[in-house]
Amino acid sequence: MLSGGRLVMGAAIGDRGVEFPAYGLDRDASGTLLRASVAAMRRLWADDFPTLNTPYGTLQNAGMLPRPAGGRVSPC
């Protein structure tokens, strides 16, 4: 186990003019995309193979490892 199971993660919207159009996304929706992405990561760490429906797509029976130590995700 690395660092006693601790992870500090930072997330940012990004600001290069080509990023959002390259994926067919509207730059004005970047805050919504960031919130949906963080919520998806938290759910993937917390639940066993959940199905997630987001405004940007669906993940079916998805998982993400390694999970946080102790099986819990701290609040933001």
Foldseek 3Di string as FASTA:
>chain_A
DPPQQDDDDDDDLDDDPVVQVVVPHDSVCSVVVRVLVVVVVQPQLQDQQPWDDGPVGIDGRDHDDDHGPPRHDDDD
